[in-house]
Amino acid sequence: QVQLVESGGGLVQAGGSLRLSCAASGGTFGNYFMAWFRQAPGKAREFVSRINWSGGSTYYADSVKGRFTISRDNAMNTMSLQMNSLKPDDTGVYYCARGRVDSGRPQTYNTWGQGTQVTVSS
């Protein structure tokens, strides 16, 4: 049973940067779609970005387009999210997820990490 583990969250000032990582243990990323979601307090989990199995296709929520970059290394079974020009609205728990469907809906992902907290202060 594959497990996903996120790391790299923390507290940063607005305008700063963070790099999140997601590592798979007990399995591989394989030919799955991988994605990042986030959830702010009192809000629903929302799509941030996703990447296809080869890394050749990436998708971003409009709110992060141009500021975030998703990437993956299948040989290392890792995925990253480089977050630049962070805003207070980016605050939340960030989750990585694995799924078979090219989708931004969290229901289509069946393997999730435990999340890592990102807090952006103004």
PDB file of N, CA and C in Angstrom:
ATOM      1  N   GLN A   1       0.853  -1.176   0.000  1.00  0.00           N
ATOM      2  CA  GLN A   1       0.000   0.000   0.000  1.00  0.00           C
ATOM      3  C   GLN A   1       0.895   1.234   0.000  1.00  0.00           C
ATOM      4  N   VAL A   2       0.789   2.019  -1.042  1.00  0.00           N
ATOM      5  CA  VAL A   2       1.637   3.204  -1.135  1.00  0.00           C
ATOM      6  C   VAL A   2       1.173   4.242  -0.129  1.00  0.00           C
ATOM      7  N   GLN A   3       2.118   4.940   0.444  1.00  0.00           N
ATOM      8  CA  GLN A   3       1.839   6.066   1.326  1.00  0.00           C
ATOM      9  C   GLN A   3       2.514   7.298   0.756  1.00  0.00           C
ATOM     10  N   LEU A   4       1.841   8.418   0.863  1.00  0.00           N
ATOM     11  CA  LEU A   4       2.381   9.685   0.398  1.00  0.00           C
ATOM     12  C   LEU A   4       2.702  10.557   1.608  1.00  0.00           C
ATOM     13  N   VAL A   5       3.854  11.166   1.597  1.00  0.00           N
ATOM     14  CA  VAL A   5       4.285  12.002   2.706  1.00  0.00           C
ATOM     15  C   VAL A   5       4.719  13.359   2.172  1.00  0.00           C
ATOM     16  N   GLU A   6       4.052  14.413   2.644  1.00  0.00           N
ATOM     17  CA  GLU A   6       4.403  15.770   2.249  1.00  0.00           C
ATOM     18  C   GLU A   6       5.407  16.375   3.239  1.00  0.00           C
ATOM     19  N   SER A   7       6.187  17.301   2.746  1.00  0.00           N
ATOM     20  CA  SER A   7       7.113  18.042   3.589  1.00  0.00           C
ATOM     21  C   SER A   7       7.366  19.405   2.961  1.00  0.00           C
ATOM     22  N   GLY A   8       7.957  20.286   3.744  1.00  0.00           N
ATOM     23  CA  GLY A   8       8.359  21.590   3.206  1.00  0.00           C
ATOM     24  C   GLY A   8       7.478  22.750   3.591  1.00  0.00           C
ATOM     25  N   GLY A   9       6.379  22.481   4.293  1.00  0.00           N
ATOM     26  CA  GLY A   9       5.528  23.583   4.714  1.00  0.00           C
ATOM     27  C   GLY A   9       6.191  24.433   5.783  1.00  0.00           C
ATOM     28  N   GLY A  10       5.559  25.553   6.090  1.00  0.00           N
ATOM     29  CA  GLY A  10       6.094  26.426   7.125  1.00  0.00           C
ATOM     30  C   GLY A  10       5.436  27.773   7.105  1.00  0.00           C
ATOM     31  N   LEU A  11       6.051  28.697   7.834  1.00  0.00           N
ATOM     32  CA  LEU A  11       5.559  30.066   7.934  1.00  0.00           C
ATOM     33  C   LEU A  11       6.457  30.964   7.087  1.00  0.00           C
ATOM     34  N   VAL A  12       5.836  31.770   6.251  1.00  0.00           N
ATOM     35  CA  VAL A  12       6.598  32.648   5.362  1.00  0.00           C
ATOM     36  C   VAL A  12       5.841  33.964   5.227  1.00  0.00           C
ATOM     37  N   GLN A  13       6.569  35.028   4.994  1.00  0.00           N
ATOM     38  CA  GLN A  13       5.930  36.328   4.776  1.00  0.00           C
ATOM     39  C   GLN A  13       5.393  36.420   3.350  1.00  0.00           C
ATOM     40  N   ALA A  14       4.402  37.260   3.184  1.00  0.00           N
ATOM     41  CA  ALA A  14       3.860  37.494   1.849  1.00  0.00           C
ATOM     42  C   ALA A  14       4.988  37.920   0.900  1.00  0.00           C
ATOM     43  N   GLY A  15       4.947  37.357  -0.290  1.00  0.00           N
ATOM     44  CA  GLY A  15       5.994  37.612  -1.266  1.00  0.00           C
ATOM     45  C   GLY A  15       7.110  36.600  -1.241  1.00  0.00           C
ATOM     46  N   GLY A  16       7.141  35.776  -0.217  1.00  0.00           N
ATOM     47  CA  GLY A  16       8.186  34.786  -0.080  1.00  0.00           C
ATOM     48  C   GLY A  16       7.901  33.517  -0.875  1.00  0.00           C
ATOM     49  N   SER A  17       8.769  32.526  -0.673  1.00  0.00           N
ATOM     50  CA  SER A  17       8.677  31.273  -1.420  1.00  0.00           C
ATOM     51  C   SER A  17       8.792  30.077  -0.486  1.00  0.00           C
ATOM     52  N   LEU A  18       8.192  28.999  -0.916  1.00  0.00           N
ATOM     53  CA  LEU A  18       8.332  27.704  -0.257  1.00  0.00           C
ATOM     54  C   LEU A  18       8.339  26.627  -1.333  1.00  0.00           C
ATOM     55  N   ARG A  19       8.987  25.517  -1.020  1.00  0.00           N
ATOM     56  CA  ARG A  19       8.977  24.370  -1.924  1.00  0.00           C
ATOM     57  C   ARG A  19       8.442  23.163  -1.171  1.00  0.00           C
ATOM     58  N   LEU A  20       7.329  22.661  -1.610  1.00  0.00           N
ATOM     59  CA  LEU A  20       6.740  21.473  -1.004  1.00  0.00           C
ATOM     60  C   LEU A  20       7.205  20.226  -1.757  1.00  0.00           C
ATOM     61  N   SER A  21       7.355  19.155  -1.015  1.00  0.00           N
ATOM     62  CA  SER A  21       7.713  17.875  -1.623  1.00  0.00           C
ATOM     63  C   SER A  21       6.725  16.809  -1.189  1.00  0.00           C
ATOM     64  N   CYS A  22       6.553  15.828  -2.048  1.00  0.00           N
ATOM     65  CA  CYS A  22       5.694  14.678  -1.766  1.00  0.00           C
ATOM     66  C   CYS A  22       6.490  13.436  -2.156  1.00  0.00           C
ATOM     67  N   ALA A  23       6.643  12.526  -1.208  1.00  0.00           N
ATOM     68  CA  ALA A  23       7.396  11.306  -1.468  1.00  0.00           C
ATOM     69  C   ALA A  23       6.498  10.096  -1.278  1.00  0.00           C
ATOM     70  N   ALA A  24       6.694   9.103  -2.117  1.00  0.00           N
ATOM     71  CA  ALA A  24       5.922   7.869  -2.024  1.00  0.00           C
ATOM     72  C   ALA A  24       6.759   6.796  -1.349  1.00  0.00           C
ATOM     73  N   SER A  25       6.133   6.091  -0.428  1.00  0.00           N
ATOM     74  CA  SER A  25       6.791   4.938   0.186  1.00  0.00           C
ATOM     75  C   SER A  25       5.868   3.729   0.087  1.00  0.00           C
ATOM     76  N   GLY A  26       6.485   2.545  -0.045  1.00  0.00           N
ATOM     77  CA  GLY A  26       5.685   1.343  -0.165  1.00  0.00           C
ATOM     78  C   GLY A  26       5.053   1.176  -1.525  1.00  0.00           C
ATOM     79  N   GLY A  27       5.512   1.958  -2.475  1.00  0.00           N
ATOM     80  CA  GLY A  27       4.947   1.882  -3.817  1.00  0.00           C
ATOM     81  C   GLY A  27       5.549   2.955  -4.695  1.00  0.00           C
ATOM     82  N   THR A  28       4.995   3.143  -5.836  1.00  0.00           N
ATOM     83  CA  THR A  28       5.533   4.125  -6.772  1.00  0.00           C
ATOM     84  C   THR A  28       4.441   5.082  -7.226  1.00  0.00           C
ATOM     85  N   PHE A  29       4.913   6.171  -7.841  1.00  0.00           N
ATOM     86  CA  PHE A  29       3.954   7.057  -8.486  1.00  0.00           C
ATOM     87  C   PHE A  29       3.385   6.386  -9.728  1.00  0.00           C
ATOM     88  N   GLY A  30       4.230   5.542 -10.341  1.00  0.00           N
ATOM     89  CA  GLY A  30       3.785   4.815 -11.516  1.00  0.00           C
ATOM     90  C   GLY A  30       3.260   5.731 -12.586  1.00  0.00           C
ATOM     91  N   ASN A  31       2.275   5.263 -13.307  1.00  0.00           N
ATOM     92  CA  ASN A  31       1.691   6.068 -14.369  1.00  0.00           C
ATOM     93  C   ASN A  31       0.405   6.731 -13.884  1.00  0.00           C
ATOM     94  N   TYR A  32       0.469   7.277 -12.686  1.00  0.00           N
ATOM     95  CA  TYR A  32      -0.671   7.969 -12.099  1.00  0.00           C
ATOM     96  C   TYR A  32      -0.567   9.473 -12.323  1.00  0.00           C
ATOM     97  N   PHE A  33      -1.726  10.116 -12.307  1.00  0.00           N
ATOM     98  CA  PHE A  33      -1.746  11.554 -12.188  1.00  0.00           C
ATOM     99  C   PHE A  33      -1.434  11.893 -10.727  1.00  0.00           C
ATOM    100  N   MET A  34      -0.689  12.947 -10.550  1.00  0.00           N
ATOM    101  CA  MET A  34      -0.385  13.431  -9.202  1.00  0.00           C
ATOM    102  C   MET A  34      -0.880  14.863  -9.093  1.00  0.00           C
ATOM    103  N   ALA A  35      -1.318  15.227  -7.908  1.00  0.00           N
ATOM    104  CA  ALA A  35      -1.894  16.556  -7.750  1.00  0.00           C
ATOM    105  C   ALA A  35      -1.609  17.119  -6.371  1.00  0.00           C
ATOM    106  N   TRP A  36      -1.743  18.418  -6.289  1.00  0.00           N
ATOM    107  CA  TRP A  36      -1.716  19.139  -5.018  1.00  0.00           C
ATOM    108  C   TRP A  36      -3.088  19.780  -4.814  1.00  0.00           C
ATOM    109  N   PHE A  37      -3.583  19.637  -3.602  1.00  0.00           N
ATOM    110  CA  PHE A  37      -4.788  20.311  -3.159  1.00  0.00           C
ATOM    111  C   PHE A  37      -4.448  21.086  -1.895  1.00  0.00           C
ATOM    112  N   ARG A  38      -5.321  22.002  -1.529  1.00  0.00           N
ATOM    113  CA  ARG A  38      -5.125  22.715  -0.277  1.00  0.00           C
ATOM    114  C   ARG A  38      -6.479  22.955   0.373  1.00  0.00           C
ATOM    115  N   GLN A  39      -6.416  23.138   1.674  1.00  0.00           N
ATOM    116  CA  GLN A  39      -7.635  23.384   2.428  1.00  0.00           C
ATOM    117  C   GLN A  39      -7.366  24.423   3.500  1.00  0.00           C
ATOM    118  N   ALA A  40      -8.087  25.515   3.408  1.00  0.00           N
ATOM    119  CA  ALA A  40      -8.011  26.564   4.408  1.00  0.00           C
ATOM    120  C   ALA A  40      -9.055  26.291   5.485  1.00  0.00           C
ATOM    121  N   PRO A  41      -8.862  26.824   6.683  1.00  0.00           N
ATOM    122  CA  PRO A  41      -9.828  26.594   7.768  1.00  0.00           C
ATOM    123  C   PRO A  41     -11.233  27.025   7.352  1.00  0.00           C
ATOM    124  N   GLY A  42     -12.195  26.131   7.560  1.00  0.00           N
ATOM    125  CA  GLY A  42     -13.578  26.447   7.257  1.00  0.00           C
ATOM    126  C   GLY A  42     -13.942  26.409   5.788  1.00  0.00           C
ATOM    127  N   LYS A  43     -13.015  25.993   4.954  1.00  0.00           N
ATOM    128  CA  LYS A  43     -13.275  25.959   3.518  1.00  0.00           C
ATOM    129  C   LYS A  43     -13.113  24.549   2.980  1.00  0.00           C
ATOM    130  N   ALA A  44     -13.686  24.322   1.820  1.00  0.00           N
ATOM    131  CA  ALA A  44     -13.558  23.020   1.175  1.00  0.00           C
ATOM    132  C   ALA A  44     -12.155  22.840   0.601  1.00  0.00           C
ATOM    133  N   ARG A  45     -11.787  21.596   0.434  1.00  0.00           N
ATOM    134  CA  ARG A  45     -10.498  21.302  -0.194  1.00  0.00           C
ATOM    135  C   ARG A  45     -10.561  21.752  -1.649  1.00  0.00           C
ATOM    136  N   GLU A  46      -9.517  22.444  -2.094  1.00  0.00           N
ATOM    137  CA  GLU A  46      -9.524  22.962  -3.451  1.00  0.00           C
ATOM    138  C   GLU A  46      -8.296  22.513  -4.235  1.00  0.00           C
ATOM    139  N   PHE A  47      -8.514  22.373  -5.526  1.00  0.00           N
ATOM    140  CA  PHE A  47      -7.451  21.978  -6.429  1.00  0.00           C
ATOM    141  C   PHE A  47      -6.420  23.096  -6.570  1.00  0.00           C
ATOM    142  N   VAL A  48      -5.150  22.711  -6.583  1.00  0.00           N
ATOM    143  CA  VAL A  48      -4.062  23.669  -6.788  1.00  0.00           C
ATOM    144  C   VAL A  48      -3.361  23.412  -8.122  1.00  0.00           C
ATOM    145  N   SER A  49      -2.912  22.158  -8.305  1.00  0.00           N
ATOM    146  CA  SER A  49      -2.162  21.836  -9.513  1.00  0.00           C
ATOM    147  C   SER A  49      -2.124  20.333  -9.698  1.00  0.00           C
ATOM    148  N   ARG A  50      -1.949  19.899 -10.938  1.00  0.00           N
ATOM    149  CA  ARG A  50      -1.777  18.475 -11.191  1.00  0.00           C
ATOM    150  C   ARG A  50      -0.809  18.279 -12.353  1.00  0.00           C
ATOM    151  N   ILE A  51      -0.298  17.051 -12.443  1.00  0.00           N
ATOM    152  CA  ILE A  51       0.715  16.730 -13.439  1.00  0.00           C
ATOM    153  C   ILE A  51       0.478  15.313 -13.923  1.00  0.00           C
ATOM    154  N   ASN A  52       0.662  15.090 -15.222  1.00  0.00           N
ATOM    155  CA  ASN A  52       0.436  13.742 -15.730  1.00  0.00           C
ATOM    156  C   ASN A  52       1.651  12.859 -15.451  1.00  0.00           C
ATOM    157  N   TRP A  53       1.562  11.598 -15.842  1.00  0.00           N
ATOM    158  CA  TRP A  53       2.566  10.633 -15.417  1.00  0.00           C
ATOM    159  C   TRP A  53       3.958  10.969 -15.936  1.00  0.00           C
ATOM    160  N   SER A  54       4.026  11.527 -17.130  1.00  0.00           N
ATOM    161  CA  SER A  54       5.338  11.815 -17.709  1.00  0.00           C
ATOM    162  C   SER A  54       5.888  13.167 -17.272  1.00  0.00           C
ATOM    163  N   GLY A  55       5.026  13.994 -16.708  1.00  0.00           N
ATOM    164  CA  GLY A  55       5.441  15.353 -16.372  1.00  0.00           C
ATOM    165  C   GLY A  55       5.298  16.318 -17.518  1.00  0.00           C
ATOM    166  N   GLY A  56       4.801  15.825 -18.640  1.00  0.00           N
ATOM    167  CA  GLY A  56       4.705  16.664 -19.814  1.00  0.00           C
ATOM    168  C   GLY A  56       3.495  17.575 -19.846  1.00  0.00           C
ATOM    169  N   SER A  57       2.510  17.290 -19.025  1.00  0.00           N
ATOM    170  CA  SER A  57       1.303  18.127 -18.971  1.00  0.00           C
ATOM    171  C   SER A  57       1.049  18.548 -17.538  1.00  0.00           C
ATOM    172  N   THR A  58       0.870  19.832 -17.365  1.00  0.00           N
ATOM    173  CA  THR A  58       0.604  20.372 -16.038  1.00  0.00           C
ATOM    174  C   THR A  58      -0.605  21.297 -16.098  1.00  0.00           C
ATOM    175  N   TYR A  59      -1.295  21.403 -14.983  1.00  0.00           N
ATOM    176  CA  TYR A  59      -2.484  22.241 -14.894  1.00  0.00           C
ATOM    177  C   TYR A  59      -2.442  22.982 -13.557  1.00  0.00           C
ATOM    178  N   TYR A  60      -2.950  24.183 -13.591  1.00  0.00           N
ATOM    179  CA  TYR A  60      -2.925  25.008 -12.389  1.00  0.00           C
ATOM    180  C   TYR A  60      -4.273  25.692 -12.184  1.00  0.00           C
ATOM    181  N   ALA A  61      -4.626  25.860 -10.923  1.00  0.00           N
ATOM    182  CA  ALA A  61      -5.763  26.709 -10.606  1.00  0.00           C
ATOM    183  C   ALA A  61      -5.419  28.133 -11.018  1.00  0.00           C
ATOM    184  N   ASP A  62      -6.420  28.889 -11.436  1.00  0.00           N
ATOM    185  CA  ASP A  62      -6.171  30.265 -11.865  1.00  0.00           C
ATOM    186  C   ASP A  62      -5.507  31.085 -10.768  1.00  0.00           C
ATOM    187  N   SER A  63      -5.831  30.771  -9.530  1.00  0.00           N
ATOM    188  CA  SER A  63      -5.328  31.563  -8.407  1.00  0.00           C
ATOM    189  C   SER A  63      -3.828  31.411  -8.192  1.00  0.00           C
ATOM    190  N   VAL A  64      -3.237  30.348  -8.734  1.00  0.00           N
ATOM    191  CA  VAL A  64      -1.802  30.126  -8.522  1.00  0.00           C
ATOM    192  C   VAL A  64      -0.995  30.155  -9.816  1.00  0.00           C
ATOM    193  N   LYS A  65      -1.683  30.271 -10.937  1.00  0.00           N
ATOM    194  CA  LYS A  65      -1.011  30.241 -12.230  1.00  0.00           C
ATOM    195  C   LYS A  65       0.018  31.367 -12.315  1.00  0.00           C
ATOM    196  N   GLY A  66       1.204  31.023 -12.767  1.00  0.00           N
ATOM    197  CA  GLY A  66       2.280  31.994 -12.879  1.00  0.00           C
ATOM    198  C   GLY A  66       3.116  32.146 -11.619  1.00  0.00           C
ATOM    199  N   ARG A  67       2.637  31.593 -10.523  1.00  0.00           N
ATOM    200  CA  ARG A  67       3.376  31.689  -9.253  1.00  0.00           C
ATOM    201  C   ARG A  67       3.858  30.329  -8.766  1.00  0.00           C
ATOM    202  N   PHE A  68       3.107  29.281  -9.060  1.00  0.00           N
ATOM    203  CA  PHE A  68       3.453  27.934  -8.599  1.00  0.00           C
ATOM    204  C   PHE A  68       3.916  27.099  -9.789  1.00  0.00           C
ATOM    205  N   THR A  69       4.822  26.158  -9.500  1.00  0.00           N
ATOM    206  CA  THR A  69       5.296  25.227 -10.516  1.00  0.00           C
ATOM    207  C   THR A  69       5.329  23.815  -9.942  1.00  0.00           C
ATOM    208  N   ILE A  70       4.651  22.916 -10.632  1.00  0.00           N
ATOM    209  CA  ILE A  70       4.613  21.517 -10.204  1.00  0.00           C
ATOM    210  C   ILE A  70       5.611  20.718 -11.027  1.00  0.00           C
ATOM    211  N   SER A  71       6.221  19.727 -10.410  1.00  0.00           N
ATOM    212  CA  SER A  71       7.151  18.860 -11.123  1.00  0.00           C
ATOM    213  C   SER A  71       7.165  17.499 -10.441  1.00  0.00           C
ATOM    214  N   ARG A  72       7.679  16.506 -11.141  1.00  0.00           N
ATOM    215  CA  ARG A  72       7.769  15.171 -10.559  1.00  0.00           C
ATOM    216  C   ARG A  72       9.031  14.481 -11.048  1.00  0.00           C
ATOM    217  N   ASP A  73       9.509  13.554 -10.249  1.00  0.00           N
ATOM    218  CA  ASP A  73      10.668  12.733 -10.592  1.00  0.00           C
ATOM    219  C   ASP A  73      10.244  11.290 -10.347  1.00  0.00           C
ATOM    220  N   ASN A  74       9.849  10.598 -11.392  1.00  0.00           N
ATOM    221  CA  ASN A  74       9.326   9.244 -11.231  1.00  0.00           C
ATOM    222  C   ASN A  74      10.406   8.266 -10.760  1.00  0.00           C
ATOM    223  N   ALA A  75      11.629   8.510 -11.127  1.00  0.00           N
ATOM    224  CA  ALA A  75      12.720   7.625 -10.692  1.00  0.00           C
ATOM    225  C   ALA A  75      12.902   7.688  -9.175  1.00  0.00           C
ATOM    226  N   MET A  76      12.646   8.866  -8.617  1.00  0.00           N
ATOM    227  CA  MET A  76      12.796   9.059  -7.173  1.00  0.00           C
ATOM    228  C   MET A  76      11.467   8.965  -6.441  1.00  0.00           C
ATOM    229  N   ASN A  77      10.385   8.808  -7.196  1.00  0.00           N
ATOM    230  CA  ASN A  77       9.039   8.781  -6.607  1.00  0.00           C
ATOM    231  C   ASN A  77       8.775  10.006  -5.755  1.00  0.00           C
ATOM    232  N   THR A  78       9.091  11.157  -6.317  1.00  0.00           N
ATOM    233  CA  THR A  78       8.850  12.412  -5.614  1.00  0.00           C
ATOM    234  C   THR A  78       8.135  13.409  -6.531  1.00  0.00           C
ATOM    235  N   MET A  79       7.452  14.323  -5.914  1.00  0.00           N
ATOM    236  CA  MET A  79       6.774  15.393  -6.619  1.00  0.00           C
ATOM    237  C   MET A  79       7.004  16.668  -5.823  1.00  0.00           C
ATOM    238  N   SER A  80       7.098  17.766  -6.515  1.00  0.00           N
ATOM    239  CA  SER A  80       7.358  19.031  -5.838  1.00  0.00           C
ATOM    240  C   SER A  80       6.378  20.101  -6.287  1.00  0.00           C
ATOM    241  N   LEU A  81       6.227  21.091  -5.445  1.00  0.00           N
ATOM    242  CA  LEU A  81       5.450  22.279  -5.778  1.00  0.00           C
ATOM    243  C   LEU A  81       6.269  23.485  -5.336  1.00  0.00           C
ATOM    244  N   GLN A  82       6.812  24.200  -6.298  1.00  0.00           N
ATOM    245  CA  GLN A  82       7.538  25.424  -6.007  1.00  0.00           C
ATOM    246  C   GLN A  82       6.542  26.563  -5.959  1.00  0.00           C
ATOM    247  N   MET A  83       6.488  27.232  -4.827  1.00  0.00           N
ATOM    248  CA  MET A  83       5.507  28.303  -4.623  1.00  0.00           C
ATOM    249  C   MET A  83       6.234  29.617  -4.429  1.00  0.00           C
ATOM    250  N   ASN A  84       6.039  30.531  -5.349  1.00  0.00           N
ATOM    251  CA  ASN A  84       6.662  31.849  -5.285  1.00  0.00           C
ATOM    252  C   ASN A  84       5.600  32.931  -5.125  1.00  0.00           C
ATOM    253  N   SER A  85       6.045  34.098  -4.740  1.00  0.00           N
ATOM    254  CA  SER A  85       5.136  35.245  -4.581  1.00  0.00           C
ATOM    255  C   SER A  85       3.915  34.871  -3.756  1.00  0.00           C
ATOM    256  N   LEU A  86       4.165  34.247  -2.638  1.00  0.00           N
ATOM    257  CA  LEU A  86       3.070  33.751  -1.814  1.00  0.00           C
ATOM    258  C   LEU A  86       2.231  34.882  -1.247  1.00  0.00           C
ATOM    259  N   LYS A  87       0.938  34.591  -1.118  1.00  0.00           N
ATOM    260  CA  LYS A  87      -0.026  35.546  -0.607  1.00  0.00           C
ATOM    261  C   LYS A  87      -0.698  34.958   0.638  1.00  0.00           C
ATOM    262  N   PRO A  88      -1.245  35.805   1.499  1.00  0.00           N
ATOM    263  CA  PRO A  88      -1.971  35.268   2.666  1.00  0.00           C
ATOM    264  C   PRO A  88      -3.093  34.301   2.270  1.00  0.00           C
ATOM    265  N   ASP A  89      -3.707  34.513   1.119  1.00  0.00           N
ATOM    266  CA  ASP A  89      -4.767  33.610   0.660  1.00  0.00           C
ATOM    267  C   ASP A  89      -4.253  32.212   0.322  1.00  0.00           C
ATOM    268  N   ASP A  90      -2.961  32.052   0.219  1.00  0.00           N
ATOM    269  CA  ASP A  90      -2.378  30.733  -0.039  1.00  0.00           C
ATOM    270  C   ASP A  90      -2.279  29.888   1.229  1.00  0.00           C
ATOM    271  N   THR A  91      -2.604  30.462   2.349  1.00  0.00           N
ATOM    272  CA  THR A  91      -2.523  29.752   3.626  1.00  0.00           C
ATOM    273  C   THR A  91      -3.470  28.565   3.652  1.00  0.00           C
ATOM    274  N   GLY A  92      -2.985  27.441   4.161  1.00  0.00           N
ATOM    275  CA  GLY A  92      -3.805  26.254   4.285  1.00  0.00           C
ATOM    276  C   GLY A  92      -2.953  25.015   4.462  1.00  0.00           C
ATOM    277  N   VAL A  93      -3.629  23.898   4.585  1.00  0.00           N
ATOM    278  CA  VAL A  93      -2.937  22.611   4.603  1.00  0.00           C
ATOM    279  C   VAL A  93      -2.874  22.099   3.168  1.00  0.00           C
ATOM    280  N   TYR A  94      -1.677  21.776   2.744  1.00  0.00           N
ATOM    281  CA  TYR A  94      -1.452  21.311   1.376  1.00  0.00           C
ATOM    282  C   TYR A  94      -1.299  19.798   1.370  1.00  0.00           C
ATOM    283  N   TYR A  95      -2.045  19.167   0.475  1.00  0.00           N
ATOM    284  CA  TYR A  95      -2.060  17.717   0.367  1.00  0.00           C
ATOM    285  C   TYR A  95      -1.591  17.289  -1.018  1.00  0.00           C
ATOM    286  N   CYS A  96      -0.814  16.219  -1.068  1.00  0.00           N
ATOM    287  CA  CYS A  96      -0.548  15.612  -2.357  1.00  0.00           C
ATOM    288  C   CYS A  96      -1.461  14.392  -2.502  1.00  0.00           C
ATOM    289  N   ALA A  97      -1.768  14.069  -3.741  1.00  0.00           N
ATOM    290  CA  ALA A  97      -2.711  13.000  -4.006  1.00  0.00           C
ATOM    291  C   ALA A  97      -2.354  12.287  -5.300  1.00  0.00           C
ATOM    292  N   ARG A  98      -2.772  11.038  -5.384  1.00  0.00           N
ATOM    293  CA  ARG A  98      -2.491  10.209  -6.547  1.00  0.00           C
ATOM    294  C   ARG A  98      -3.793   9.658  -7.087  1.00  0.00           C
ATOM    295  N   GLY A  99      -3.943   9.688  -8.399  1.00  0.00           N
ATOM    296  CA  GLY A  99      -5.169   9.177  -8.989  1.00  0.00           C
ATOM    297  C   GLY A  99      -4.970   8.709 -10.411  1.00  0.00           C
ATOM    298  N   ARG A 100      -5.995   8.062 -10.940  1.00  0.00           N
ATOM    299  CA  ARG A 100      -5.938   7.502 -12.289  1.00  0.00           C
ATOM    300  C   ARG A 100      -6.568   8.401 -13.334  1.00  0.00           C
ATOM    301  N   VAL A 101      -7.276   9.430 -12.857  1.00  0.00           N
ATOM    302  CA  VAL A 101      -8.063  10.261 -13.772  1.00  0.00           C
ATOM    303  C   VAL A 101      -7.463  11.650 -13.859  1.00  0.00           C
ATOM    304  N   ASP A 102      -7.454  12.199 -15.042  1.00  0.00           N
ATOM    305  CA  ASP A 102      -6.980  13.564 -15.258  1.00  0.00           C
ATOM    306  C   ASP A 102      -8.082  14.523 -14.816  1.00  0.00           C
ATOM    307  N   SER A 103      -8.037  14.910 -13.546  1.00  0.00           N
ATOM    308  CA  SER A 103      -9.142  15.675 -12.983  1.00  0.00           C
ATOM    309  C   SER A 103      -8.655  16.595 -11.878  1.00  0.00           C
ATOM    310  N   GLY A 104      -9.399  17.654 -11.661  1.00  0.00           N
ATOM    311  CA  GLY A 104      -9.130  18.539 -10.542  1.00  0.00           C
ATOM    312  C   GLY A 104     -10.077  18.302  -9.379  1.00  0.00           C
ATOM    313  N   ARG A 105     -10.902  17.283  -9.467  1.00  0.00           N
ATOM    314  CA  ARG A 105     -11.844  16.985  -8.399  1.00  0.00           C
ATOM    315  C   ARG A 105     -11.205  16.044  -7.384  1.00  0.00           C
ATOM    316  N   PRO A 106     -11.222  16.401  -6.112  1.00  0.00           N
ATOM    317  CA  PRO A 106     -10.568  15.549  -5.103  1.00  0.00           C
ATOM    318  C   PRO A 106     -11.177  14.146  -5.031  1.00  0.00           C
ATOM    319  N   GLN A 107     -12.437  14.001  -5.417  1.00  0.00           N
ATOM    320  CA  GLN A 107     -13.085  12.675  -5.335  1.00  0.00           C
ATOM    321  C   GLN A 107     -12.435  11.648  -6.252  1.00  0.00           C
ATOM    322  N   THR A 108     -11.715  12.107  -7.249  1.00  0.00           N
ATOM    323  CA  THR A 108     -11.118  11.185  -8.219  1.00  0.00           C
ATOM    324  C   THR A 108      -9.736  10.717  -7.800  1.00  0.00           C
ATOM    325  N   TYR A 109      -9.241  11.186  -6.670  1.00  0.00           N
ATOM    326  CA  TYR A 109      -7.926  10.771  -6.166  1.00  0.00           C
ATOM    327  C   TYR A 109      -8.131   9.844  -4.981  1.00  0.00           C
ATOM    328  N   ASN A 110      -7.477   8.691  -5.009  1.00  0.00           N
ATOM    329  CA  ASN A 110      -7.745   7.692  -3.970  1.00  0.00           C
ATOM    330  C   ASN A 110      -6.607   7.488  -2.986  1.00  0.00           C
ATOM    331  N   THR A 111      -5.508   8.175  -3.178  1.00  0.00           N
ATOM    332  CA  THR A 111      -4.400   8.083  -2.229  1.00  0.00           C
ATOM    333  C   THR A 111      -3.964   9.495  -1.862  1.00  0.00           C
ATOM    334  N   TRP A 112      -3.902   9.755  -0.562  1.00  0.00           N
ATOM    335  CA  TRP A 112      -3.617  11.100  -0.060  1.00  0.00           C
ATOM    336  C   TRP A 112      -2.516  11.071   0.981  1.00  0.00           C
ATOM    337  N   GLY A 113      -1.776  12.143   1.031  1.00  0.00           N
ATOM    338  CA  GLY A 113      -0.842  12.330   2.126  1.00  0.00           C
ATOM    339  C   GLY A 113      -1.548  12.929   3.326  1.00  0.00           C
ATOM    340  N   GLN A 114      -0.784  13.150   4.387  1.00  0.00           N
ATOM    341  CA  GLN A 114      -1.363  13.664   5.636  1.00  0.00           C
ATOM    342  C   GLN A 114      -1.440  15.180   5.645  1.00  0.00           C
ATOM    343  N   GLY A 115      -0.762  15.826   4.709  1.00  0.00           N
ATOM    344  CA  GLY A 115      -0.821  17.276   4.602  1.00  0.00           C
ATOM    345  C   GLY A 115       0.338  17.971   5.286  1.00  0.00           C
ATOM    346  N   THR A 116       0.649  19.149   4.793  1.00  0.00           N
ATOM    347  CA  THR A 116       1.672  19.994   5.406  1.00  0.00           C
ATOM    348  C   THR A 116       1.132  21.418   5.451  1.00  0.00           C
ATOM    349  N   GLN A 117       1.329  22.078   6.588  1.00  0.00           N
ATOM    350  CA  GLN A 117       0.758  23.403   6.807  1.00  0.00           C
ATOM    351  C   GLN A 117       1.614  24.481   6.142  1.00  0.00           C
ATOM    352  N   VAL A 118       0.957  25.345   5.412  1.00  0.00           N
ATOM    353  CA  VAL A 118       1.591  26.530   4.838  1.00  0.00           C
ATOM    354  C   VAL A 118       0.864  27.748   5.398  1.00  0.00           C
ATOM    355  N   THR A 119       1.613  28.637   6.011  1.00  0.00           N
ATOM    356  CA  THR A 119       1.033  29.852   6.560  1.00  0.00           C
ATOM    357  C   THR A 119       1.783  31.048   5.984  1.00  0.00           C
ATOM    358  N   VAL A 120       1.035  31.942   5.354  1.00  0.00           N
ATOM    359  CA  VAL A 120       1.626  33.135   4.754  1.00  0.00           C
ATOM    360  C   VAL A 120       1.128  34.344   5.536  1.00  0.00           C
ATOM    361  N   SER A 121       2.047  35.051   6.139  1.00  0.00           N
ATOM    362  CA  SER A 121       1.676  36.222   6.936  1.00  0.00           C
ATOM    363  C   SER A 121       1.739  37.489   6.084  1.00  0.00           C
ATOM    364  N   SER A 122       0.877  38.426   6.419  1.00  0.00           N
ATOM    365  CA  SER A 122       0.828  39.682   5.640  1.00  0.00           C
ATOM    366  C   SER A 122       1.771  40.726   6.203  1.00  0.00           C
TER     367      SER A 122
END
